[in-house]
């Protein structure tokens, strides 16, 4: 499912790179994703893509090359 957040990994990808930023999802974050998406009234794909897009933008702004979703 395509989302409107271009800087994101695929839905089933939990560890990868966007540009020069590596994004790694920890197990606890993966487990919470569905519930958090439901609370926010959105689907899991959108919540995951938004999280990755936002973390990518912050990492670039701060000069980081890796982030972890905890």
N, C-alpha and C. Protein backbone atom coordinates (compact mmCIF):
# COMPACT_ATOMS: atom_id res chain seq x y z
N UNK A 1 0.85 -1.18 0.00
CA UNK A 1 0.00 0.00 0.00
C UNK A 1 0.90 1.24 0.00
N UNK A 2 0.70 2.10 -0.96
CA UNK A 2 1.49 3.34 -1.04
C UNK A 2 0.89 4.36 -0.08
N UNK A 3 1.76 5.14 0.50
CA UNK A 3 1.31 6.20 1.40
C UNK A 3 1.78 7.54 0.84
N UNK A 4 1.37 8.60 1.47
CA UNK A 4 1.79 9.92 1.02
C UNK A 4 3.09 10.37 1.69
N UNK A 5 3.75 9.46 2.37
CA UNK A 5 5.02 9.77 3.02
C UNK A 5 6.15 9.10 2.24
N UNK A 6 6.82 9.83 1.37
CA UNK A 6 7.79 9.22 0.46
C UNK A 6 9.04 8.70 1.13
N UNK A 7 9.39 9.24 2.28
CA UNK A 7 10.61 8.80 2.96
C UNK A 7 10.25 7.76 4.01
N UNK A 8 9.94 6.57 3.51
CA UNK A 8 9.57 5.48 4.42
C UNK A 8 9.97 4.15 3.80
N UNK A 9 10.12 3.15 4.66
CA UNK A 9 10.43 1.80 4.23
C UNK A 9 9.13 1.11 3.82
N UNK A 10 9.22 -0.03 3.19
CA UNK A 10 8.02 -0.78 2.85
C UNK A 10 7.33 -1.30 4.10
N UNK A 11 6.08 -1.69 3.97
CA UNK A 11 5.29 -2.13 5.13
C UNK A 11 5.93 -3.29 5.89
N UNK A 12 6.49 -4.25 5.20
CA UNK A 12 7.09 -5.40 5.87
C UNK A 12 8.57 -5.25 6.16
N UNK A 13 9.13 -4.06 5.93
CA UNK A 13 10.56 -3.82 6.14
C UNK A 13 10.75 -3.11 7.48
N UNK A 14 11.50 -3.73 8.37
CA UNK A 14 11.68 -3.19 9.72
C UNK A 14 13.09 -2.68 9.97
N UNK A 15 13.98 -2.91 9.04
CA UNK A 15 15.37 -2.50 9.19
C UNK A 15 15.89 -2.18 7.79
N UNK A 16 16.15 -0.89 7.54
CA UNK A 16 16.60 -0.51 6.22
C UNK A 16 17.07 0.93 6.19
N UNK A 17 17.40 1.39 5.00
CA UNK A 17 17.91 2.75 4.84
C UNK A 17 17.04 3.56 3.92
N UNK A 18 16.95 4.83 4.24
CA UNK A 18 16.31 5.82 3.40
C UNK A 18 17.39 6.88 3.19
N UNK A 19 17.84 7.01 1.95
CA UNK A 19 18.98 7.89 1.72
C UNK A 19 20.16 7.38 2.52
N UNK A 20 20.75 8.26 3.31
CA UNK A 20 21.90 7.85 4.13
C UNK A 20 21.52 7.61 5.59
N UNK A 21 20.22 7.47 5.88
CA UNK A 21 19.75 7.26 7.25
C UNK A 21 19.23 5.83 7.40
N UNK A 22 19.80 5.11 8.35
CA UNK A 22 19.36 3.75 8.65
C UNK A 22 18.27 3.82 9.72
N UNK A 23 17.17 3.12 9.47
CA UNK A 23 16.06 3.08 10.42
C UNK A 23 15.88 1.64 10.86
N UNK A 24 15.85 1.43 12.15
CA UNK A 24 15.68 0.08 12.71
C UNK A 24 14.55 0.10 13.74
N UNK A 25 13.57 -0.77 13.55
CA UNK A 25 12.46 -0.91 14.48
C UNK A 25 12.82 -1.96 15.53
N UNK A 26 12.69 -1.62 16.79
CA UNK A 26 12.87 -2.59 17.88
C UNK A 26 11.59 -3.41 18.01
N UNK A 27 11.70 -4.57 18.60
CA UNK A 27 10.57 -5.49 18.71
C UNK A 27 9.37 -4.87 19.43
N UNK A 28 9.60 -4.15 20.51
CA UNK A 28 8.49 -3.54 21.26
C UNK A 28 7.72 -2.54 20.41
N UNK A 29 8.42 -1.79 19.57
CA UNK A 29 7.76 -0.81 18.71
C UNK A 29 6.92 -1.52 17.65
N UNK A 30 7.44 -2.60 17.11
CA UNK A 30 6.68 -3.38 16.13
C UNK A 30 5.38 -3.89 16.74
N UNK A 31 5.48 -4.37 17.98
CA UNK A 31 4.32 -4.93 18.66
C UNK A 31 3.26 -3.87 18.97
N UNK A 32 3.68 -2.64 19.22
CA UNK A 32 2.75 -1.55 19.55
C UNK A 32 2.12 -0.89 18.33
N UNK A 33 2.71 -1.07 17.16
CA UNK A 33 2.29 -0.32 15.98
C UNK A 33 0.80 -0.44 15.66
N UNK A 34 0.28 -1.64 15.64
CA UNK A 34 -1.13 -1.85 15.30
C UNK A 34 -2.05 -1.16 16.30
N UNK A 35 -1.77 -1.32 17.58
CA UNK A 35 -2.61 -0.71 18.61
C UNK A 35 -2.55 0.82 18.55
N UNK A 36 -1.34 1.36 18.35
CA UNK A 36 -1.19 2.82 18.26
C UNK A 36 -1.92 3.38 17.04
N UNK A 37 -1.84 2.67 15.93
CA UNK A 37 -2.55 3.11 14.73
C UNK A 37 -4.05 3.13 14.97
N UNK A 38 -4.54 2.10 15.64
CA UNK A 38 -5.97 2.02 15.94
C UNK A 38 -6.42 3.17 16.84
N UNK A 39 -5.64 3.47 17.85
CA UNK A 39 -5.96 4.58 18.77
C UNK A 39 -6.02 5.90 18.00
N UNK A 40 -5.13 6.07 17.04
CA UNK A 40 -5.07 7.32 16.28
C UNK A 40 -6.07 7.34 15.12
N UNK A 41 -6.76 6.24 14.90
CA UNK A 41 -7.77 6.19 13.85
C UNK A 41 -7.20 6.11 12.44
N UNK A 42 -6.06 5.44 12.31
CA UNK A 42 -5.44 5.29 11.01
C UNK A 42 -5.01 3.84 10.82
N UNK A 43 -4.55 3.51 9.63
CA UNK A 43 -4.12 2.13 9.40
C UNK A 43 -2.63 1.99 9.73
N UNK A 44 -2.21 0.75 9.88
CA UNK A 44 -0.85 0.44 10.29
C UNK A 44 0.18 0.94 9.27
N UNK A 45 -0.12 0.82 7.98
CA UNK A 45 0.82 1.25 6.94
C UNK A 45 1.09 2.76 7.02
N UNK A 46 0.03 3.52 7.23
CA UNK A 46 0.18 4.98 7.33
C UNK A 46 0.95 5.37 8.58
N UNK A 47 0.63 4.74 9.70
CA UNK A 47 1.33 5.05 10.95
C UNK A 47 2.82 4.72 10.85
N UNK A 48 3.15 3.58 10.25
CA UNK A 48 4.55 3.19 10.09
C UNK A 48 5.27 4.16 9.17
N UNK A 49 4.66 4.48 8.03
CA UNK A 49 5.28 5.39 7.07
C UNK A 49 5.47 6.78 7.66
N UNK A 50 4.49 7.29 8.37
CA UNK A 50 4.59 8.61 9.00
C UNK A 50 5.72 8.63 10.02
N UNK A 51 5.81 7.58 10.83
CA UNK A 51 6.87 7.49 11.85
C UNK A 51 8.24 7.52 11.19
N UNK A 52 8.42 6.72 10.14
CA UNK A 52 9.71 6.67 9.46
C UNK A 52 10.04 7.98 8.76
N UNK A 53 9.06 8.57 8.12
CA UNK A 53 9.26 9.85 7.43
C UNK A 53 9.69 10.93 8.43
N UNK A 54 9.01 11.01 9.54
CA UNK A 54 9.30 11.99 10.58
C UNK A 54 10.70 11.76 11.16
N UNK A 55 11.03 10.52 11.48
CA UNK A 55 12.36 10.20 12.02
C UNK A 55 13.46 10.50 11.02
N UNK A 56 13.22 10.23 9.75
CA UNK A 56 14.20 10.55 8.71
C UNK A 56 14.46 12.05 8.68
N UNK A 57 13.41 12.85 8.67
CA UNK A 57 13.56 14.31 8.62
C UNK A 57 14.34 14.83 9.83
N UNK A 58 14.04 14.30 11.01
CA UNK A 58 14.76 14.72 12.22
C UNK A 58 16.23 14.31 12.13
N UNK A 59 16.49 13.09 11.70
CA UNK A 59 17.88 12.60 11.59
C UNK A 59 18.69 13.48 10.64
N UNK A 60 18.12 13.81 9.50
CA UNK A 60 18.83 14.65 8.53
C UNK A 60 19.11 16.02 9.14
N UNK A 61 18.12 16.58 9.77
CA UNK A 61 18.28 17.91 10.37
C UNK A 61 19.37 17.91 11.46
N UNK A 62 19.46 16.83 12.21
CA UNK A 62 20.45 16.74 13.30
C UNK A 62 21.79 16.18 12.84
N UNK A 63 21.86 15.71 11.61
CA UNK A 63 23.12 15.15 11.11
C UNK A 63 23.36 13.72 11.54
N UNK A 64 22.31 13.00 11.94
CA UNK A 64 22.44 11.60 12.35
C UNK A 64 22.31 10.69 11.14
N UNK A 65 22.93 9.53 11.21
CA UNK A 65 22.82 8.57 10.12
C UNK A 65 22.08 7.29 10.52
N UNK A 66 21.60 7.23 11.76
CA UNK A 66 20.86 6.05 12.21
C UNK A 66 19.86 6.45 13.29
N UNK A 67 18.68 5.81 13.24
CA UNK A 67 17.66 6.03 14.27
C UNK A 67 17.05 4.67 14.60
N UNK A 68 16.54 4.56 15.82
CA UNK A 68 15.87 3.34 16.26
C UNK A 68 14.47 3.72 16.74
N UNK A 69 13.49 2.97 16.30
CA UNK A 69 12.12 3.14 16.77
C UNK A 69 11.97 2.19 17.95
N UNK A 70 11.82 2.75 19.12
CA UNK A 70 11.77 1.94 20.33
C UNK A 70 10.36 1.81 20.77
